Amino acid sequence: MKFKILILVLFISIKGHCQFMSLSKYDTGKYRETDNAVIYKIKGTKYETDHKTFFSSENKMIYKKSTDNIISFVIYDKRFLFVGYYPNTQEQRMMAIPYEVRALGKLEVIDLEDASKKWTYEFKEKSPMGNIKSFNPENGDITYCNHLKPEKSNQ
């Protein structure tokens, strides 16, 4: 009985931890790799990305990079695509730490079920994606582990 309880607690903690992870680490069900992209299956829908410039689904572009910034894709709750923007500097390119713990300059959140729903955030202080605890799509509020709250831009 103790073993079953231990397995249950372990499973619940892993599931909670996986709600917000890098796309490459998230249990999206990697489907296959093409020459220039990777295809993931999220809730039965296939998504394609090269992790650097675009994120698309069934010949529909959900996100295409339009700036010189370095970007990082993260999936939250198997529904929201978080696109983090980092300055394209030599220092950023040479950093050994993952993007989830780097300070963001800008963040876009895109609803994968309805790509026309987007939220944009500008950051003035250190706000890494790894500190995000939850996202509320009704009002666009992001809750941080360290209780920081970004200001929503007017875009």
N, C-alpha and C. Protein backbone atom coordinates (compact mmCIF):
# COMPACT_ATOMS: atom_id res chain seq x y z
N MET A 1 0.82 -1.19 0.00
CA MET A 1 0.00 0.00 0.00
C MET A 1 0.87 1.26 0.00
N LYS A 2 1.95 1.23 0.79
CA LYS A 2 2.85 2.39 0.84
C LYS A 2 3.48 2.65 -0.53
N PHE A 3 3.78 1.55 -1.21
CA PHE A 3 4.40 1.68 -2.53
C PHE A 3 3.43 2.35 -3.51
N LYS A 4 2.16 1.98 -3.47
CA LYS A 4 1.16 2.59 -4.35
C LYS A 4 0.99 4.08 -4.05
N ILE A 5 1.00 4.45 -2.79
CA ILE A 5 0.87 5.85 -2.41
C ILE A 5 2.10 6.63 -2.88
N LEU A 6 3.27 6.05 -2.72
CA LEU A 6 4.50 6.69 -3.17
C LEU A 6 4.48 6.92 -4.68
N ILE A 7 4.05 5.93 -5.44
CA ILE A 7 3.96 6.06 -6.89
C ILE A 7 2.95 7.14 -7.26
N LEU A 8 1.82 7.17 -6.57
CA LEU A 8 0.79 8.19 -6.84
C LEU A 8 1.32 9.60 -6.57
N VAL A 9 2.00 9.79 -5.45
CA VAL A 9 2.57 11.10 -5.12
C VAL A 9 3.62 11.49 -6.16
N LEU A 10 4.45 10.56 -6.55
CA LEU A 10 5.47 10.83 -7.55
C LEU A 10 4.83 11.22 -8.89
N PHE A 11 3.81 10.50 -9.30
CA PHE A 11 3.13 10.80 -10.55
C PHE A 11 2.49 12.19 -10.53
N ILE A 12 1.84 12.56 -9.45
CA ILE A 12 1.19 13.86 -9.34
C ILE A 12 2.23 14.98 -9.38
N SER A 13 3.36 14.80 -8.69
CA SER A 13 4.38 15.84 -8.69
C SER A 13 5.01 16.01 -10.07
N ILE A 14 5.22 14.92 -10.79
CA ILE A 14 5.78 15.00 -12.14
C ILE A 14 4.79 15.68 -13.07
N LYS A 15 3.52 15.33 -12.98
CA LYS A 15 2.50 15.95 -13.84
C LYS A 15 2.42 17.45 -13.58
N GLY A 16 2.48 17.87 -12.33
CA GLY A 16 2.45 19.29 -12.00
C GLY A 16 3.67 20.02 -12.52
N HIS A 17 4.82 19.39 -12.44
CA HIS A 17 6.06 19.99 -12.91
C HIS A 17 6.06 20.15 -14.43
N CYS A 18 5.41 19.23 -15.14
CA CYS A 18 5.41 19.25 -16.60
C CYS A 18 4.40 20.22 -17.18
N GLN A 19 3.66 20.94 -16.37
CA GLN A 19 2.70 21.89 -16.92
C GLN A 19 3.39 23.04 -17.62
N PHE A 20 4.61 23.36 -17.24
CA PHE A 20 5.30 24.48 -17.86
C PHE A 20 6.77 24.12 -18.04
N MET A 21 7.09 23.63 -19.21
CA MET A 21 8.47 23.26 -19.50
C MET A 21 8.80 23.65 -20.93
N SER A 22 10.05 23.66 -21.23
CA SER A 22 10.51 23.94 -22.58
C SER A 22 9.88 22.95 -23.55
N LEU A 23 9.60 23.40 -24.77
CA LEU A 23 8.96 22.55 -25.75
C LEU A 23 9.78 21.29 -26.00
N SER A 24 11.08 21.39 -26.01
CA SER A 24 11.90 20.22 -26.26
C SER A 24 11.86 19.22 -25.11
N LYS A 25 11.51 19.68 -23.90
CA LYS A 25 11.44 18.80 -22.75
C LYS A 25 10.01 18.37 -22.42
N TYR A 26 9.05 19.11 -22.94
CA TYR A 26 7.66 18.88 -22.58
C TYR A 26 7.13 17.62 -23.25
N ASP A 27 6.27 16.89 -22.59
CA ASP A 27 5.74 15.65 -23.12
C ASP A 27 4.69 15.96 -24.19
N THR A 28 5.14 16.36 -25.36
CA THR A 28 4.24 16.72 -26.44
C THR A 28 4.04 15.56 -27.40
N GLY A 29 4.77 14.50 -27.25
CA GLY A 29 4.64 13.39 -28.18
C GLY A 29 5.34 13.70 -29.49
N LYS A 30 6.68 13.75 -29.45
CA LYS A 30 7.44 14.07 -30.66
C LYS A 30 7.04 13.08 -31.74
N TYR A 31 6.58 13.58 -32.85
CA TYR A 31 6.02 12.75 -33.90
C TYR A 31 7.08 12.30 -34.89
N ARG A 32 7.78 13.27 -35.47
CA ARG A 32 8.87 12.94 -36.40
C ARG A 32 9.71 14.19 -36.67
N GLU A 33 10.86 13.99 -37.27
CA GLU A 33 11.73 15.10 -37.65
C GLU A 33 11.79 15.19 -39.16
N THR A 34 11.75 16.41 -39.68
CA THR A 34 11.94 16.64 -41.11
C THR A 34 13.33 17.24 -41.28
N ASP A 35 13.65 17.65 -42.49
CA ASP A 35 14.98 18.20 -42.75
C ASP A 35 15.26 19.46 -41.94
N ASN A 36 14.27 20.34 -41.80
CA ASN A 36 14.52 21.61 -41.13
C ASN A 36 13.59 21.86 -39.96
N ALA A 37 12.81 20.89 -39.53
CA ALA A 37 11.86 21.13 -38.45
C ALA A 37 11.56 19.84 -37.69
N VAL A 38 10.92 20.02 -36.55
CA VAL A 38 10.47 18.90 -35.72
C VAL A 38 8.96 19.00 -35.63
N ILE A 39 8.29 17.87 -35.69
CA ILE A 39 6.84 17.86 -35.60
C ILE A 39 6.44 17.26 -34.26
N TYR A 40 5.57 17.98 -33.53
CA TYR A 40 5.07 17.53 -32.23
C TYR A 40 3.57 17.31 -32.33
N LYS A 41 3.07 16.42 -31.50
CA LYS A 41 1.64 16.20 -31.41
C LYS A 41 1.19 16.67 -30.04
N ILE A 42 0.31 17.68 -30.00
CA ILE A 42 -0.21 18.23 -28.76
C ILE A 42 -1.73 18.14 -28.82
N LYS A 43 -2.31 17.39 -27.92
CA LYS A 43 -3.76 17.16 -27.90
C LYS A 43 -4.28 16.71 -29.26
N GLY A 44 -3.55 15.81 -29.91
CA GLY A 44 -3.98 15.24 -31.18
C GLY A 44 -3.73 16.09 -32.41
N THR A 45 -3.22 17.30 -32.24
CA THR A 45 -2.93 18.19 -33.37
C THR A 45 -1.42 18.22 -33.60
N LYS A 46 -1.01 18.17 -34.86
CA LYS A 46 0.41 18.21 -35.19
C LYS A 46 0.87 19.65 -35.35
N TYR A 47 1.99 19.97 -34.69
CA TYR A 47 2.61 21.29 -34.78
C TYR A 47 4.04 21.12 -35.26
N GLU A 48 4.49 22.04 -36.10
CA GLU A 48 5.83 21.98 -36.66
C GLU A 48 6.60 23.22 -36.27
N THR A 49 7.88 23.05 -35.91
CA THR A 49 8.73 24.18 -35.54
C THR A 49 10.19 23.85 -35.80
N ASP A 50 10.96 24.90 -36.02
CA ASP A 50 12.41 24.71 -36.10
C ASP A 50 13.09 25.26 -34.84
N HIS A 51 12.30 25.65 -33.84
CA HIS A 51 12.75 26.18 -32.56
C HIS A 51 13.46 27.54 -32.67
N LYS A 52 13.52 28.12 -33.86
CA LYS A 52 14.23 29.40 -34.02
C LYS A 52 13.41 30.47 -34.73
N THR A 53 12.55 30.08 -35.66
CA THR A 53 11.87 31.11 -36.46
C THR A 53 10.36 30.94 -36.59
N PHE A 54 9.83 29.73 -36.51
CA PHE A 54 8.39 29.59 -36.77
C PHE A 54 7.77 28.47 -35.93
N PHE A 55 6.44 28.55 -35.81
CA PHE A 55 5.63 27.54 -35.15
C PHE A 55 4.33 27.47 -35.94
N SER A 56 4.03 26.32 -36.55
CA SER A 56 2.86 26.24 -37.42
C SER A 56 2.09 24.96 -37.16
N SER A 57 0.87 24.94 -37.70
CA SER A 57 0.00 23.78 -37.58
C SER A 57 -0.81 23.62 -38.85
N GLU A 58 -0.71 22.45 -39.47
CA GLU A 58 -1.50 22.11 -40.65
C GLU A 58 -1.52 23.24 -41.68
N ASN A 59 -0.34 23.65 -42.10
CA ASN A 59 -0.14 24.71 -43.10
C ASN A 59 -0.69 26.07 -42.67
N LYS A 60 -0.91 26.25 -41.38
CA LYS A 60 -1.36 27.54 -40.84
C LYS A 60 -0.26 28.05 -39.91
N MET A 61 0.25 29.23 -40.20
CA MET A 61 1.33 29.80 -39.40
C MET A 61 0.76 30.38 -38.11
N ILE A 62 1.20 29.87 -36.98
CA ILE A 62 0.77 30.38 -35.68
C ILE A 62 1.72 31.50 -35.24
N TYR A 63 3.02 31.31 -35.48
CA TYR A 63 4.01 32.33 -35.13
C TYR A 63 5.14 32.30 -36.16
N LYS A 64 5.56 33.47 -36.61
CA LYS A 64 6.73 33.60 -37.48
C LYS A 64 7.57 34.75 -36.96
N LYS A 65 8.85 34.50 -36.76
CA LYS A 65 9.77 35.49 -36.20
C LYS A 65 9.91 36.68 -37.14
N SER A 66 9.75 37.88 -36.58
CA SER A 66 9.84 39.09 -37.39
C SER A 66 10.86 40.08 -36.82
N THR A 67 11.59 39.68 -35.79
CA THR A 67 12.59 40.56 -35.19
C THR A 67 13.95 39.89 -35.23
N ASP A 68 14.96 40.64 -34.84
CA ASP A 68 16.32 40.10 -34.78
C ASP A 68 16.60 39.43 -33.43
N ASN A 69 15.66 39.51 -32.51
CA ASN A 69 15.85 38.94 -31.17
C ASN A 69 15.98 37.42 -31.21
N ILE A 70 16.60 36.88 -30.18
CA ILE A 70 16.63 35.44 -29.98
C ILE A 70 15.29 35.07 -29.34
N ILE A 71 14.68 33.97 -29.79
CA ILE A 71 13.40 33.57 -29.21
C ILE A 71 13.48 32.18 -28.61
N SER A 72 12.55 31.89 -27.72
CA SER A 72 12.45 30.56 -27.12
C SER A 72 10.97 30.22 -27.01
N PHE A 73 10.61 29.02 -27.45
CA PHE A 73 9.23 28.56 -27.38
C PHE A 73 9.02 27.71 -26.13
N VAL A 74 7.89 27.92 -25.47
CA VAL A 74 7.50 27.10 -24.32
C VAL A 74 6.00 26.85 -24.43
N ILE A 75 5.58 25.64 -24.11
CA ILE A 75 4.16 25.30 -24.12
C ILE A 75 3.68 25.25 -22.68
N TYR A 76 2.55 25.90 -22.40
CA TYR A 76 1.96 25.87 -21.06
C TYR A 76 0.59 25.20 -21.14
N ASP A 77 0.35 24.25 -20.27
CA ASP A 77 -0.94 23.60 -20.12
C ASP A 77 -1.43 22.98 -21.43
N LYS A 78 -0.52 22.57 -22.30
CA LYS A 78 -0.82 21.96 -23.60
C LYS A 78 -1.79 22.81 -24.42
N ARG A 79 -1.81 24.10 -24.18
CA ARG A 79 -2.73 24.97 -24.91
C ARG A 79 -2.13 26.32 -25.31
N PHE A 80 -1.20 26.84 -24.54
CA PHE A 80 -0.69 28.19 -24.80
C PHE A 80 0.78 28.13 -25.20
N LEU A 81 1.10 28.83 -26.30
CA LEU A 81 2.48 28.94 -26.77
C LEU A 81 3.06 30.22 -26.20
N PHE A 82 4.11 30.09 -25.40
CA PHE A 82 4.81 31.24 -24.85
C PHE A 82 6.04 31.46 -25.72
N VAL A 83 6.19 32.68 -26.25
CA VAL A 83 7.35 33.04 -27.07
C VAL A 83 8.13 34.09 -26.30
N GLY A 84 9.30 33.71 -25.80
CA GLY A 84 10.15 34.63 -25.05
C GLY A 84 11.16 35.29 -25.97
N TYR A 85 11.33 36.61 -25.83
CA TYR A 85 12.27 37.38 -26.64
C TYR A 85 13.47 37.78 -25.78
N TYR A 86 14.66 37.55 -26.32
CA TYR A 86 15.91 37.90 -25.64
C TYR A 86 16.75 38.74 -26.59
N PRO A 87 17.47 39.73 -26.07
CA PRO A 87 18.30 40.57 -26.95
C PRO A 87 19.32 39.74 -27.72
N ASN A 88 19.49 40.05 -28.99
CA ASN A 88 20.44 39.32 -29.82
C ASN A 88 21.82 39.93 -29.66
N THR A 89 22.45 39.62 -28.53
CA THR A 89 23.79 40.12 -28.25
C THR A 89 24.76 38.94 -28.18
N GLN A 90 26.03 39.24 -28.30
CA GLN A 90 27.05 38.20 -28.19
C GLN A 90 26.99 37.53 -26.83
N GLU A 91 26.74 38.31 -25.79
CA GLU A 91 26.65 37.76 -24.43
C GLU A 91 25.49 36.76 -24.32
N GLN A 92 24.33 37.10 -24.87
CA GLN A 92 23.18 36.19 -24.84
C GLN A 92 23.46 34.91 -25.63
N ARG A 93 24.11 35.05 -26.78
CA ARG A 93 24.39 33.87 -27.60
C ARG A 93 25.39 32.94 -26.94
N MET A 94 26.29 33.47 -26.11
CA MET A 94 27.33 32.66 -25.50
C MET A 94 26.98 32.13 -24.11
N MET A 95 25.84 32.55 -23.56
CA MET A 95 25.46 32.11 -22.21
C MET A 95 25.19 30.61 -22.19
N ALA A 96 25.63 29.98 -21.12
CA ALA A 96 25.44 28.54 -20.98
C ALA A 96 24.15 28.18 -20.25
N ILE A 97 23.50 29.15 -19.65
CA ILE A 97 22.29 28.85 -18.90
C ILE A 97 21.09 28.79 -19.85
N PRO A 98 20.09 27.96 -19.55
CA PRO A 98 18.93 27.82 -20.44
C PRO A 98 18.08 29.09 -20.47
N TYR A 99 17.31 29.22 -21.53
CA TYR A 99 16.48 30.42 -21.72
C TYR A 99 15.43 30.57 -20.64
N GLU A 100 14.97 29.49 -20.05
CA GLU A 100 13.92 29.56 -19.03
C GLU A 100 14.34 30.34 -17.80
N VAL A 101 15.66 30.48 -17.55
CA VAL A 101 16.12 31.22 -16.36
C VAL A 101 16.76 32.55 -16.72
N ARG A 102 16.80 32.90 -17.98
CA ARG A 102 17.32 34.21 -18.40
C ARG A 102 16.23 35.27 -18.27
N ALA A 103 16.66 36.51 -18.08
CA ALA A 103 15.71 37.62 -17.98
C ALA A 103 15.11 37.92 -19.35
N LEU A 104 13.79 38.00 -19.39
CA LEU A 104 13.06 38.28 -20.63
C LEU A 104 13.02 39.77 -20.93
N GLY A 105 12.97 40.11 -22.20
CA GLY A 105 12.70 41.48 -22.59
C GLY A 105 11.23 41.64 -22.93
N LYS A 106 10.68 40.62 -23.59
CA LYS A 106 9.29 40.66 -24.04
C LYS A 106 8.77 39.23 -24.06
N LEU A 107 7.47 39.08 -23.88
CA LEU A 107 6.83 37.77 -23.91
C LEU A 107 5.51 37.88 -24.67
N GLU A 108 5.29 36.94 -25.58
CA GLU A 108 4.01 36.83 -26.26
C GLU A 108 3.39 35.50 -25.88
N VAL A 109 2.08 35.51 -25.64
CA VAL A 109 1.35 34.29 -25.34
C VAL A 109 0.31 34.13 -26.44
N ILE A 110 0.29 32.95 -27.07
CA ILE A 110 -0.64 32.68 -28.17
C ILE A 110 -1.46 31.44 -27.81
N ASP A 111 -2.77 31.55 -27.94
CA ASP A 111 -3.67 30.44 -27.68
C ASP A 111 -3.60 29.49 -28.87
N LEU A 112 -3.20 28.24 -28.64
CA LEU A 112 -3.07 27.28 -29.74
C LEU A 112 -4.43 26.87 -30.30
N GLU A 113 -5.48 26.96 -29.51
CA GLU A 113 -6.81 26.60 -29.99
C GLU A 113 -7.42 27.71 -30.84
N ASP A 114 -7.04 28.95 -30.59
CA ASP A 114 -7.50 30.10 -31.39
C ASP A 114 -6.33 31.07 -31.49
N ALA A 115 -5.55 30.94 -32.56
CA ALA A 115 -4.30 31.71 -32.70
C ALA A 115 -4.52 33.21 -32.79
N SER A 116 -5.77 33.66 -32.97
CA SER A 116 -6.02 35.10 -32.99
C SER A 116 -5.99 35.70 -31.59
N LYS A 117 -6.09 34.86 -30.56
CA LYS A 117 -6.00 35.34 -29.18
C LYS A 117 -4.53 35.41 -28.79
N LYS A 118 -4.05 36.65 -28.55
CA LYS A 118 -2.64 36.86 -28.20
C LYS A 118 -2.54 37.86 -27.07
N TRP A 119 -1.53 37.68 -26.24
CA TRP A 119 -1.22 38.60 -25.16
C TRP A 119 0.25 38.96 -25.30
N THR A 120 0.59 40.23 -25.09
CA THR A 120 1.98 40.70 -25.20
C THR A 120 2.37 41.38 -23.90
N TYR A 121 3.56 41.08 -23.40
CA TYR A 121 4.06 41.64 -22.15
C TYR A 121 5.44 42.22 -22.37
N GLU A 122 5.72 43.36 -21.75
CA GLU A 122 7.04 43.98 -21.75
C GLU A 122 7.58 43.91 -20.32
N PHE A 123 8.86 43.60 -20.17
CA PHE A 123 9.44 43.44 -18.85
C PHE A 123 10.48 44.51 -18.57
N LYS A 124 10.44 45.05 -17.37
CA LYS A 124 11.39 46.08 -16.96
C LYS A 124 12.38 45.56 -15.92
N GLU A 125 12.11 44.41 -15.36
CA GLU A 125 13.00 43.82 -14.37
C GLU A 125 13.19 42.35 -14.70
N LYS A 126 14.05 41.69 -13.96
CA LYS A 126 14.36 40.28 -14.23
C LYS A 126 13.10 39.44 -14.07
N SER A 127 12.65 38.86 -15.16
CA SER A 127 11.44 38.05 -15.17
C SER A 127 11.64 36.82 -16.04
N PRO A 128 12.28 35.78 -15.56
CA PRO A 128 12.49 34.59 -16.38
C PRO A 128 11.21 33.76 -16.55
N MET A 129 11.11 33.08 -17.68
CA MET A 129 9.95 32.23 -17.94
C MET A 129 9.84 31.10 -16.93
N GLY A 130 10.95 30.64 -16.42
CA GLY A 130 10.94 29.55 -15.46
C GLY A 130 10.26 29.90 -14.14
N ASN A 131 10.07 31.20 -13.86
CA ASN A 131 9.40 31.63 -12.63
C ASN A 131 7.90 31.76 -12.78
N ILE A 132 7.37 31.54 -13.98
CA ILE A 132 5.92 31.64 -14.18
C ILE A 132 5.24 30.44 -13.54
N LYS A 133 4.27 30.74 -12.70
CA LYS A 133 3.54 29.70 -12.00
C LYS A 133 2.25 29.33 -12.71
N SER A 134 1.53 30.34 -13.22
CA SER A 134 0.28 30.07 -13.93
C SER A 134 -0.07 31.24 -14.85
N PHE A 135 -1.01 30.97 -15.74
CA PHE A 135 -1.48 31.97 -16.69
C PHE A 135 -3.00 31.89 -16.74
N ASN A 136 -3.66 33.04 -16.64
CA ASN A 136 -5.11 33.11 -16.68
C ASN A 136 -5.53 33.76 -18.00
N PRO A 137 -6.10 32.98 -18.94
CA PRO A 137 -6.45 33.53 -20.25
C PRO A 137 -7.64 34.49 -20.22
N GLU A 138 -8.44 34.45 -19.19
CA GLU A 138 -9.61 35.34 -19.12
C GLU A 138 -9.21 36.81 -19.00
N ASN A 139 -8.18 37.07 -18.19
CA ASN A 139 -7.76 38.46 -18.02
C ASN A 139 -6.28 38.68 -18.39
N GLY A 140 -5.59 37.64 -18.83
CA GLY A 140 -4.20 37.77 -19.26
C GLY A 140 -3.20 37.89 -18.13
N ASP A 141 -3.61 37.57 -16.90
CA ASP A 141 -2.70 37.68 -15.75
C ASP A 141 -1.74 36.51 -15.69
N ILE A 142 -0.48 36.84 -15.43
CA ILE A 142 0.55 35.83 -15.22
C ILE A 142 0.91 35.87 -13.74
N THR A 143 0.94 34.70 -13.11
CA THR A 143 1.34 34.60 -11.71
C THR A 143 2.75 34.04 -11.66
N TYR A 144 3.60 34.73 -10.89
CA TYR A 144 4.99 34.31 -10.76
C TYR A 144 5.22 33.65 -9.41
N CYS A 145 6.18 32.74 -9.38
CA CYS A 145 6.57 32.10 -8.12
C CYS A 145 7.09 33.13 -7.13
N ASN A 146 7.78 34.14 -7.65
CA ASN A 146 8.34 35.17 -6.77
C ASN A 146 7.43 36.40 -6.72
N HIS A 147 6.19 36.26 -7.13
CA HIS A 147 5.15 37.28 -7.03
C HIS A 147 5.43 38.54 -7.85
N LEU A 148 6.23 38.42 -8.91
CA LEU A 148 6.40 39.54 -9.83
C LEU A 148 5.23 39.55 -10.79
N LYS A 149 4.83 40.70 -11.23
CA LYS A 149 3.74 40.79 -12.19
C LYS A 149 4.16 41.74 -13.30
N PRO A 150 4.23 41.23 -14.55
CA PRO A 150 4.66 42.09 -15.65
C PRO A 150 3.55 43.05 -16.06
N GLU A 151 3.95 44.13 -16.71
CA GLU A 151 2.98 45.09 -17.23
C GLU A 151 2.61 44.66 -18.65
N LYS A 152 1.32 44.65 -18.93
CA LYS A 152 0.85 44.28 -20.26
C LYS A 152 1.02 45.50 -21.18
N SER A 153 1.56 45.25 -22.38
CA SER A 153 1.71 46.36 -23.32
C SER A 153 0.39 46.60 -24.05
N ASN A 154 0.30 47.67 -24.82
CA ASN A 154 -0.94 48.04 -25.50
C ASN A 154 -1.09 47.41 -26.86
N GLN A 155 -0.30 46.42 -27.20
CA GLN A 155 -0.40 45.82 -28.54
C GLN A 155 -1.53 44.85 -28.63
